[in-house]
Protein backbone atom coordinates (compact mmCIF):
# COMPACT_ATOMS: atom_id res chain seq x y z
CA LYS A 1 -13.82 -30.20 -42.81
CA ALA A 2 -16.76 -32.18 -44.20
CA GLN A 3 -18.69 -28.95 -44.62
CA VAL A 4 -15.81 -27.33 -46.49
CA ARG A 5 -15.43 -30.34 -48.77
CA ALA A 6 -19.17 -30.34 -49.51
CA GLU A 7 -19.11 -26.64 -50.31
CA ASN A 8 -16.09 -27.09 -52.57
CA ARG A 9 -17.86 -29.85 -54.48
CA LEU A 10 -20.94 -27.70 -54.79
CA LYS A 11 -18.87 -24.76 -55.99
CA SER A 12 -17.05 -26.96 -58.48
CA SER A 13 -20.38 -28.30 -59.77
CA HIS A 14 -21.79 -24.83 -60.17
CA GLU A 15 -18.64 -23.61 -61.93
CA ARG A 16 -19.02 -26.43 -64.41
CA SER A 17 -22.61 -25.44 -64.94
CA GLY A 18 -21.69 -21.80 -65.29
CA LEU A 19 -23.08 -20.77 -61.89
CA LEU A 20 -20.63 -19.04 -59.48
CA VAL A 21 -21.62 -19.16 -55.79
CA GLU A 22 -19.80 -17.14 -53.16
CA ARG A 23 -19.52 -18.91 -49.80
CA ASP A 24 -21.25 -16.94 -47.04
CA PRO A 25 -18.67 -15.59 -44.56
CA ARG A 26 -19.02 -17.07 -41.10
CA ILE A 27 -17.29 -15.31 -38.19
CA TYR A 28 -17.02 -17.09 -34.88
CA THR A 29 -16.05 -15.32 -31.66
CA PHE A 30 -16.18 -15.90 -27.91
CA LEU A 31 -18.64 -14.13 -25.68
CA HIS A 32 -16.05 -14.02 -22.89
CA LYS A 33 -12.69 -12.44 -23.63
CA GLY A 34 -11.08 -14.32 -20.74
CA PHE A 35 -11.73 -17.69 -22.39
CA MET A 36 -10.28 -16.45 -25.65
CA GLU A 37 -7.18 -15.22 -23.80
CA TYR A 38 -6.86 -18.57 -22.06
CA LEU A 39 -6.97 -20.49 -25.35
CA ALA A 40 -4.47 -18.11 -26.93
CA ALA A 41 -2.13 -18.57 -23.98
CA SER A 42 -2.52 -22.36 -24.09
CA ALA A 43 -1.57 -22.40 -27.77
CA LEU A 44 1.38 -20.07 -27.32
CA ALA A 45 2.68 -22.04 -24.35
CA GLN A 46 3.31 -24.94 -26.68
CA GLN A 47 5.65 -22.85 -28.84
CA SER A 48 8.52 -23.23 -26.34
CA LYS A 49 11.60 -21.24 -27.42
CA THR A 50 9.77 -19.15 -29.98
CA LEU A 51 7.33 -17.94 -27.32
CA VAL A 52 9.29 -14.85 -26.29
CA GLY A 53 9.79 -13.85 -29.90
CA LEU A 54 6.09 -14.23 -30.59
CA LEU A 55 4.78 -12.26 -27.63
CA LEU A 56 7.09 -9.35 -26.98
CA PRO A 57 6.63 -7.63 -30.37
CA LEU A 58 2.92 -7.58 -29.56
CA VAL A 59 3.60 -5.95 -26.20
CA ALA A 60 5.81 -3.36 -27.84
CA ASP A 61 2.78 -2.13 -29.79
CA LYS A 62 0.84 0.27 -27.54
CA GLY A 63 -2.36 -0.50 -29.33
CA LYS A 64 -2.02 -4.23 -28.76
CA PHE A 65 -0.51 -4.21 -25.27
CA GLU A 66 -3.77 -4.20 -23.35
CA TRP A 67 -5.13 -7.18 -25.31
CA TRP A 68 -2.00 -9.33 -25.04
CA GLU A 69 -1.03 -8.44 -21.47
CA GLN A 70 -3.37 -11.00 -19.89
CA VAL A 71 -2.28 -13.64 -22.40
CA ILE A 72 1.35 -13.16 -21.33
CA LEU A 73 0.39 -13.41 -17.66
CA LEU A 74 -1.46 -16.66 -18.34
CA VAL A 75 1.52 -18.06 -20.23
CA GLY A 76 3.80 -17.22 -17.32
CA ALA A 77 1.49 -18.84 -14.78
CA TYR A 78 0.93 -21.96 -16.90
CA SER A 79 2.67 -24.96 -15.32
CA GLY A 80 3.57 -26.38 -18.72
CA THR A 81 5.58 -23.34 -19.80
CA PRO A 82 9.28 -24.28 -19.79
CA GLU A 83 11.34 -22.71 -17.00
CA ASP A 84 13.82 -21.09 -19.40
CA VAL A 85 10.92 -19.46 -21.25
CA ARG A 86 9.59 -18.01 -18.00
CA GLU A 87 13.01 -16.59 -17.23
CA ASP A 88 13.39 -15.21 -20.76
CA LEU A 89 10.00 -13.48 -20.55
CA VAL A 90 10.84 -11.69 -17.31
CA ALA A 91 14.43 -10.87 -18.28
CA THR A 92 13.46 -9.52 -21.70
CA LEU A 93 10.71 -7.34 -20.26
CA LEU A 94 13.20 -5.80 -17.83
CA GLU A 95 15.71 -5.27 -20.64
CA ILE A 96 13.12 -3.50 -22.77
CA ALA A 97 12.17 -1.36 -19.75
CA GLU A 98 15.77 -0.21 -19.38
CA THR A 99 15.80 1.14 -22.93
CA ASN A 100 13.16 3.72 -21.94
CA PRO A 101 13.72 6.88 -19.85
CA LEU A 102 13.58 6.45 -16.07
CA ASN A 103 10.34 8.33 -15.53
CA SER A 104 8.53 7.22 -18.70
CA GLU A 105 5.22 5.39 -18.86
CA GLU A 106 6.71 2.83 -21.26
CA ARG A 107 9.46 1.88 -18.82
CA LEU A 108 7.02 1.32 -15.98
CA ARG A 109 4.62 -0.61 -18.21
CA TYR A 110 7.21 -3.30 -18.87
CA GLN A 111 8.33 -3.35 -15.24
CA LEU A 112 4.78 -3.81 -14.00
CA LEU A 113 4.20 -6.66 -16.43
CA ALA A 114 7.44 -8.30 -15.25
CA GLY A 115 6.28 -7.79 -11.67
CA ASN A 116 2.89 -9.35 -12.29
CA LEU A 117 4.58 -12.29 -14.02
CA ALA A 118 6.89 -12.75 -11.03
CA ARG A 119 3.88 -12.65 -8.71
CA ASP A 120 2.01 -15.32 -10.67
CA MET A 121 5.08 -17.53 -11.20
CA GLY A 122 5.93 -17.52 -7.50
CA ASP A 123 8.49 -20.17 -6.63
CA ASP A 124 8.74 -21.22 -10.29
CA LEU A 125 10.81 -18.10 -10.98
CA PRO A 126 14.45 -18.28 -9.80
CA VAL A 127 15.29 -16.01 -6.86
CA ALA A 128 17.82 -14.04 -8.89
CA HIS A 129 15.17 -13.03 -11.43
CA PHE A 130 12.72 -12.24 -8.64
CA LYS A 131 15.24 -9.90 -7.01
CA GLN A 132 15.87 -8.17 -10.33
CA VAL A 133 12.16 -7.43 -10.67
CA GLU A 134 12.02 -6.09 -7.10
CA ALA A 135 15.04 -3.84 -7.68
CA ALA A 136 13.56 -2.37 -10.87
CA LEU A 137 10.18 -1.64 -9.27
CA LEU A 138 11.76 -0.21 -6.14
CA LYS A 139 13.86 2.20 -8.18
CA SER A 140 10.78 3.48 -10.01
CA SER A 141 8.63 3.73 -6.89
CA LEU A 142 11.22 5.85 -5.04
CA ASP A 143 12.06 8.19 -7.93
CA SER A 144 10.69 11.65 -7.18
CA VAL A 145 10.64 12.64 -10.88
CA THR A 146 8.31 9.80 -11.85
CA LEU A 147 4.60 10.67 -11.77
CA PRO A 148 3.06 9.85 -8.37
CA ILE A 149 0.40 7.57 -9.88
CA MET A 150 3.11 5.56 -11.64
CA ARG A 151 5.21 5.41 -8.47
CA ALA A 152 2.20 4.13 -6.54
CA SER A 153 1.55 1.41 -9.12
CA ALA A 154 5.14 0.22 -8.85
CA ALA A 155 4.99 0.28 -5.04
CA ASP A 156 1.71 -1.65 -4.94
CA THR A 157 3.14 -4.31 -7.27
CA LEU A 158 6.11 -4.64 -4.91
CA ASP A 159 3.61 -5.06 -2.09
CA GLU A 160 1.96 -7.92 -3.99
CA LEU A 161 5.38 -9.55 -4.41
CA GLY A 162 5.78 -9.58 -0.63
CA TYR A 163 8.41 -6.85 -0.47
CA ALA A 164 9.03 -5.41 3.00
CA ILE A 165 11.30 -2.51 3.81
CA PRO A 166 14.13 -3.75 6.09
CA ASP A 167 13.58 -1.12 8.80
CA LEU A 168 9.78 -1.34 8.90
CA HIS A 169 9.77 -1.97 12.67
CA ALA A 170 12.40 0.63 13.54
CA PHE A 171 12.04 3.48 16.04
CA ILE A 172 13.61 6.93 15.82
CA PRO A 173 14.95 8.44 19.06
CA ILE A 174 13.84 12.02 19.69
CA PRO A 175 16.18 13.96 22.00
CA LYS A 176 15.19 16.47 24.63
CA SER A 177 14.17 19.88 23.32
CA PRO A 178 13.08 23.27 24.71
CA SER A 179 9.45 22.13 24.49
CA ILE A 180 9.98 18.56 25.81
CA ASN A 181 12.43 17.87 28.64
CA TYR A 182 12.49 14.08 28.25
CA GLU A 183 13.65 11.57 25.68
CA PHE A 184 11.30 9.31 23.76
CA ALA A 185 11.10 7.50 20.41
CA VAL A 186 8.49 7.18 17.67
CA SER A 187 7.97 4.48 15.09
CA LYS A 188 9.77 5.41 11.90
CA TYR A 189 6.64 4.62 9.88
CA PRO A 190 2.90 4.67 10.56
CA VAL A 191 1.59 1.26 11.65
CA THR A 192 0.87 -0.84 8.54
CA ASN A 193 -1.86 -3.34 7.73
CA GLY A 194 0.64 -6.16 8.05
CA GLN A 195 1.76 -5.00 11.49
CA TYR A 196 -1.78 -4.50 12.76
CA GLU A 197 -2.81 -7.94 11.52
CA ARG A 198 -0.56 -9.48 14.18
CA PHE A 199 -2.81 -7.94 16.84
CA LEU A 200 -5.92 -9.32 15.16
CA LYS A 201 -4.42 -12.81 15.09
CA SER A 202 -3.19 -12.63 18.68
CA ASP A 203 -5.24 -12.08 21.86
CA PHE A 204 -7.16 -9.14 20.41
CA ASN A 205 -10.12 -9.69 22.74
CA ASN A 206 -8.09 -9.60 25.94
CA LYS A 207 -9.72 -6.95 28.10
CA LYS A 208 -6.43 -5.80 29.66
CA TYR A 209 -5.48 -4.09 26.39
CA TRP A 210 -8.68 -2.07 26.27
CA VAL A 211 -9.03 -0.37 29.65
CA ASP A 212 -7.65 2.53 31.68
CA PHE A 213 -5.95 4.57 28.96
CA GLN A 214 -4.54 7.77 30.46
CA LYS A 215 -6.33 11.00 29.58
CA TYR A 216 -4.48 14.12 28.34
CA ASP A 217 -5.95 17.60 27.88
CA GLU A 218 -5.76 20.00 24.92
CA ASN A 219 -2.29 21.14 25.99
CA SER A 220 -0.92 17.58 26.09
CA ALA A 221 -0.88 17.64 29.90
CA VAL A 222 -1.76 14.63 32.04
CA MET A 223 -5.28 14.77 33.47
CA THR A 224 -4.46 13.60 36.98
CA ASN A 225 -6.30 10.48 38.13
CA GLN A 226 -8.44 10.42 35.00
CA THR A 227 -8.52 7.48 32.61
CA TRP A 228 -10.83 6.16 29.93
CA GLY A 229 -11.83 3.33 32.23
CA GLU A 230 -13.79 0.58 30.44
CA GLU A 231 -15.29 2.86 27.77
CA PRO A 232 -13.03 1.49 24.99
CA TRP A 233 -13.78 -2.11 25.97
CA ASP A 234 -17.54 -1.48 26.04
CA TRP A 235 -17.35 0.22 22.64
CA MET A 236 -15.50 -2.74 21.13
CA GLN A 237 -18.05 -5.23 22.48
CA LYS A 238 -20.91 -3.25 20.96
CA ALA A 239 -19.05 -2.87 17.66
CA LEU A 240 -18.73 -6.65 17.45
CA GLN A 241 -22.50 -6.94 17.63
CA ASN A 242 -23.10 -4.25 15.01
CA GLU A 243 -24.29 -5.82 11.74
CA GLU A 244 -22.36 -3.24 9.74
CA SER A 245 -19.02 -4.15 11.35
CA GLU A 246 -16.54 -6.39 9.59
CA THR A 247 -15.68 -9.29 11.88
CA GLN A 248 -13.90 -12.61 11.69
CA GLU A 249 -14.07 -15.26 14.41
CA SER A 250 -15.30 -12.71 16.99
CA VAL A 251 -12.50 -10.27 16.12
CA LEU A 252 -13.33 -6.72 15.05
CA LEU A 253 -11.63 -5.96 11.74
CA PRO A 254 -10.75 -2.43 10.61
CA ARG A 255 -13.40 -0.81 8.51
CA GLY A 256 -12.55 -1.59 4.88
CA TRP A 257 -10.16 -4.41 5.84
CA ARG A 258 -11.21 -6.35 2.73
CA ASP A 259 -11.20 -3.30 0.46
CA PRO A 260 -8.38 -3.76 -2.11
CA ARG A 261 -7.61 -0.05 -1.99
CA PHE A 262 -7.01 0.15 1.75
CA GLY A 263 -7.11 -3.24 3.47
CA ILE A 264 -4.91 -6.22 4.20
CA SER A 265 -4.25 -7.00 0.54
CA ARG A 266 -1.88 -4.02 0.73
CA ARG A 267 0.33 -5.05 3.64
CA ASN A 268 2.72 -2.08 3.56
CA ALA A 269 0.02 0.58 3.40
CA PRO A 270 -0.91 2.25 6.70
CA VAL A 271 -3.78 0.63 8.53
CA VAL A 272 -6.91 2.80 8.37
CA GLY A 273 -10.53 2.43 9.37
CA ILE A 274 -9.72 1.98 13.05
CA SER A 275 -10.92 4.01 16.00
CA TRP A 276 -8.80 5.77 18.61
CA TYR A 277 -9.75 2.95 20.96
CA GLU A 278 -8.33 0.29 18.64
CA ALA A 279 -5.12 2.22 18.06
CA SER A 280 -4.62 2.62 21.81
CA ALA A 281 -5.32 -1.07 22.46
CA TYR A 282 -2.68 -1.97 19.86
CA CYS A 283 -0.14 0.10 21.81
CA ASN A 284 -0.86 -1.89 25.00
CA TRP A 285 -0.64 -5.17 23.08
CA LEU A 286 2.70 -4.13 21.57
CA LEU A 287 4.14 -3.40 25.01
CA GLU A 288 2.87 -6.65 26.50
CA ASN A 289 4.35 -8.76 23.69
CA TRP A 290 7.49 -6.68 23.10
CA GLU A 291 10.10 -9.42 23.45
CA ASN A 292 8.39 -11.70 20.93
CA LEU A 293 7.81 -9.11 18.19
CA GLU A 294 10.04 -7.65 15.50
CA GLU A 295 9.99 -4.27 17.29
CA GLY A 296 11.62 -5.86 20.32
CA LYS A 297 14.44 -7.26 18.19
CA GLN A 298 15.81 -3.88 17.13
CA GLY A 299 18.27 -3.67 20.02
CA LEU A 300 15.98 -1.53 22.19
CA SER A 301 15.23 -2.44 25.79
CA LYS A 302 11.61 -3.02 26.67
CA PRO A 303 10.10 0.45 27.23
CA LYS A 304 8.15 1.46 30.29
CA GLU A 305 5.28 2.73 28.19
CA ILE A 306 3.99 2.56 24.61
CA ARG A 307 1.12 4.80 23.57
CA LEU A 308 -0.06 7.20 20.90
CA PRO A 309 2.08 10.36 20.76
CA LEU A 310 0.93 13.62 22.27
CA GLU A 311 0.65 16.49 19.83
CA LYS A 312 3.71 18.24 21.26
CA GLU A 313 5.69 15.00 20.86
CA TRP A 314 4.41 14.43 17.34
CA SER A 315 5.24 17.97 16.16
CA THR A 316 8.73 17.72 17.71
CA ALA A 317 9.38 14.46 15.84
CA ALA A 318 8.16 16.20 12.67
CA GLY A 319 10.76 18.96 13.10
CA GLY A 320 8.67 21.65 14.77
CA GLU A 321 5.92 24.07 13.79
CA ASP A 322 8.08 27.09 12.98
CA PRO A 323 7.59 28.51 10.44
CA LYS A 324 3.90 27.77 10.08
CA GLU A 325 4.28 27.02 6.37
CA ARG A 326 6.74 24.16 6.83
CA TYR A 327 6.11 20.53 6.03
CA ALA A 328 7.77 17.67 7.90
CA TRP A 329 10.62 17.44 5.35
CA ASP A 330 11.37 21.16 5.16
CA LYS A 331 14.76 22.07 6.55
CA LYS A 332 15.38 25.38 8.29
CA GLY A 333 14.53 28.27 6.00
CA ALA A 334 13.11 26.04 3.23
CA LYS A 335 9.60 26.39 1.86
CA THR A 336 8.05 23.82 -0.46
CA LYS A 337 6.03 25.12 -3.40
CA THR A 338 2.55 23.72 -3.89
CA GLU A 339 3.42 22.32 -7.32
CA ASP A 340 6.32 20.37 -5.77
CA LEU A 341 4.21 18.65 -3.10
CA PRO A 342 3.61 15.40 -5.07
CA ARG A 343 7.36 14.75 -5.01
CA PHE A 344 7.36 14.59 -1.20
CA ALA A 345 4.01 13.31 0.04
CA ASN A 346 0.75 11.61 -0.81
CA THR A 347 -1.86 14.38 -0.71
CA SER A 348 -4.76 15.06 -3.05
CA GLU A 349 -2.34 16.84 -5.41
CA SER A 350 -0.70 13.48 -6.17
CA GLY A 351 -3.87 12.17 -7.86
CA ILE A 352 -3.23 8.69 -6.44
CA ASN A 353 -6.61 8.61 -4.65
CA ARG A 354 -5.65 5.98 -2.06
CA THR A 355 -3.09 5.33 0.64
CA THR A 356 0.47 4.43 -0.41
CA PRO A 357 3.08 2.12 1.15
CA VAL A 358 4.62 3.92 4.11
CA TRP A 359 8.14 3.77 2.65
CA MET A 360 7.30 5.28 -0.74
CA TYR A 361 8.33 8.87 0.04
CA PRO A 362 11.90 8.96 1.43
CA GLN A 363 11.99 12.55 0.15
CA GLY A 364 9.41 13.39 2.83
CA GLU A 365 11.28 12.28 5.95
CA SER A 366 11.48 14.70 8.86
CA PRO A 367 14.81 16.17 10.07
CA HIS A 368 14.88 13.37 12.65
CA GLY A 369 14.37 10.75 9.92
CA VAL A 370 10.70 9.95 10.61
CA MET A 371 8.67 8.99 7.54
CA ASP A 372 5.18 9.88 6.28
CA MET A 373 4.50 12.63 8.81
CA SER A 374 2.98 14.86 6.14
CA GLY A 375 0.31 13.26 3.97
CA ASN A 376 -0.93 9.68 3.46
CA VAL A 377 -3.01 9.41 6.67
CA TRP A 378 -4.04 11.60 9.56
CA GLU A 379 -2.55 10.18 12.76
CA TRP A 380 -4.42 9.70 16.03
CA GLN A 381 -2.95 11.63 18.96
CA ALA A 382 -3.14 10.68 22.65
CA ASN A 383 -4.59 14.00 23.79
CA TYR A 384 -7.88 15.81 23.48
CA ARG A 385 -8.22 18.54 20.90
CA ASP A 386 -11.59 19.69 22.24
CA LEU A 387 -12.11 18.34 25.76
CA LYS A 388 -15.58 19.80 26.24
CA ASN A 389 -17.02 17.99 23.22
CA GLY A 390 -14.84 14.87 23.45
CA TRP A 391 -12.83 15.41 20.26
CA LEU A 392 -9.31 13.97 20.05
CA GLY A 393 -6.33 15.34 18.13
CA LEU A 394 -5.20 14.39 14.62
CA ARG A 395 -2.02 15.42 12.85
CA GLY A 396 -0.33 15.09 9.46
CA GLY A 397 -2.90 15.48 6.69
CA SER A 398 -3.88 12.66 4.34
CA TRP A 399 -4.21 11.34 0.81
CA ILE A 400 -7.70 12.79 0.47
CA GLY A 401 -6.87 16.33 1.65
CA ASN A 402 -4.89 19.09 -0.02
CA GLY A 403 -1.28 19.79 0.83
CA GLY A 404 -2.13 22.75 3.03
CA ASN A 405 -3.56 20.34 5.60
CA ALA A 406 -0.29 18.38 5.66
CA ARG A 407 1.71 21.24 7.20
CA VAL A 408 3.14 20.38 10.61
CA VAL A 409 1.27 23.17 12.38
CA ILE A 410 -2.18 22.04 11.20
CA ARG A 411 -4.41 20.30 13.75
CA ASP A 412 -7.58 18.34 13.11
CA LEU A 413 -9.90 16.44 15.41
CA SER A 414 -12.17 13.41 15.54
CA LEU A 415 -14.38 11.55 17.98
CA PRO A 416 -12.69 8.41 19.37
CA TYR A 417 -15.09 5.97 17.73
CA TYR A 418 -14.79 7.35 14.18
CA ARG A 419 -13.24 4.89 11.72
CA PHE A 420 -12.32 6.61 8.46
CA ASN A 421 -10.13 5.49 5.57
CA ASP A 422 -7.85 8.51 5.92
CA ILE A 423 -7.00 8.06 9.63
CA GLY A 424 -4.20 5.83 10.90
CA PHE A 425 -1.57 6.09 13.63
CA ARG A 426 2.03 5.63 14.72
CA VAL A 427 3.28 4.69 18.18
CA ALA A 428 5.57 6.37 20.69
CA LEU A 429 7.66 4.59 23.31
CA PHE A 430 9.21 5.82 26.54
CA PRO A 431 12.18 4.31 28.41
């Protein structure tokens, strides 16, 4: 202010003397955009009731949305923002979203912003508003007409909000068939990061989970009196000592466990980056702790055995391999066109370029009601695919491969110690 007054006096003096002096323009800006956004949010948070009216017109402008999005998130997370303003922000964003077509980018943009606000507000946002946000995002993430990338964004935001599908731990009974003369059940979904984390936090290093897995040949037949012995246990001990392994408190973490695209930050995505040994040890742990886990509270008696499925069991649960062109969701006589694949499964055609929550594609369930059997992740099988060279079976295709690989008939293979970000598993149980 003193500088301005001095310049005004100088200008006035020069005007009186006939000399006109233009003040040099001085432009001040911040080197870090985040600090500027913080200050803008702090100022706006003091506007109370007028806050919603100030911000939302800016969000409505596509050109300004990106700049003001972070400011709105900061306002919502700010403890001094009045509760009614928080509620108005979320409610108004959802209302604006509803004015746009179901599968439009604009609709999802407002829903995602409302979701991120709900995430940051946490317990400061009333439960009713929180549920409204969840319902809106769920509707978009399950809509087969919406672009897969947009669906995945909505599903991941739901994941961040802590959403969990009610039947996540369910099993689907598979009746006897011409190819399998016994009953069994498979997990409705591939094992997720959140489910696998329970194993990591329990007695992961208990040797009894890691030894004597039964061996099965290329035809899914029992190899009499042959087990894996202590090979899986020895592998795990060496992996713990490997400098490249991710570990925590002497526990071997899945490869990429801290990767935001694949790891534990996405609790409903299928666990990946684990070996066949780790997947098999999880099955033994699940059986041992059955009564105390969510799986054991589904009304099912404790099974005699839990393991990875054999290929013949997996393909039966997927609806069979005839005709060879069918995907897990194809009903008898149906044939999915390549251009329609992104509506049903997460393959490379979807353009998502990562795993997706296991519940995101209800359109892709098998005739038995099993989810995610085509696409998302390859699934470890209990049997060998190539016994001579030690390769084990994989089924189902993945997010990184094209849709052709996601057909039920397609078989792949991997060595038991490989840990890739496109390989996961589901479990099978036997009464």
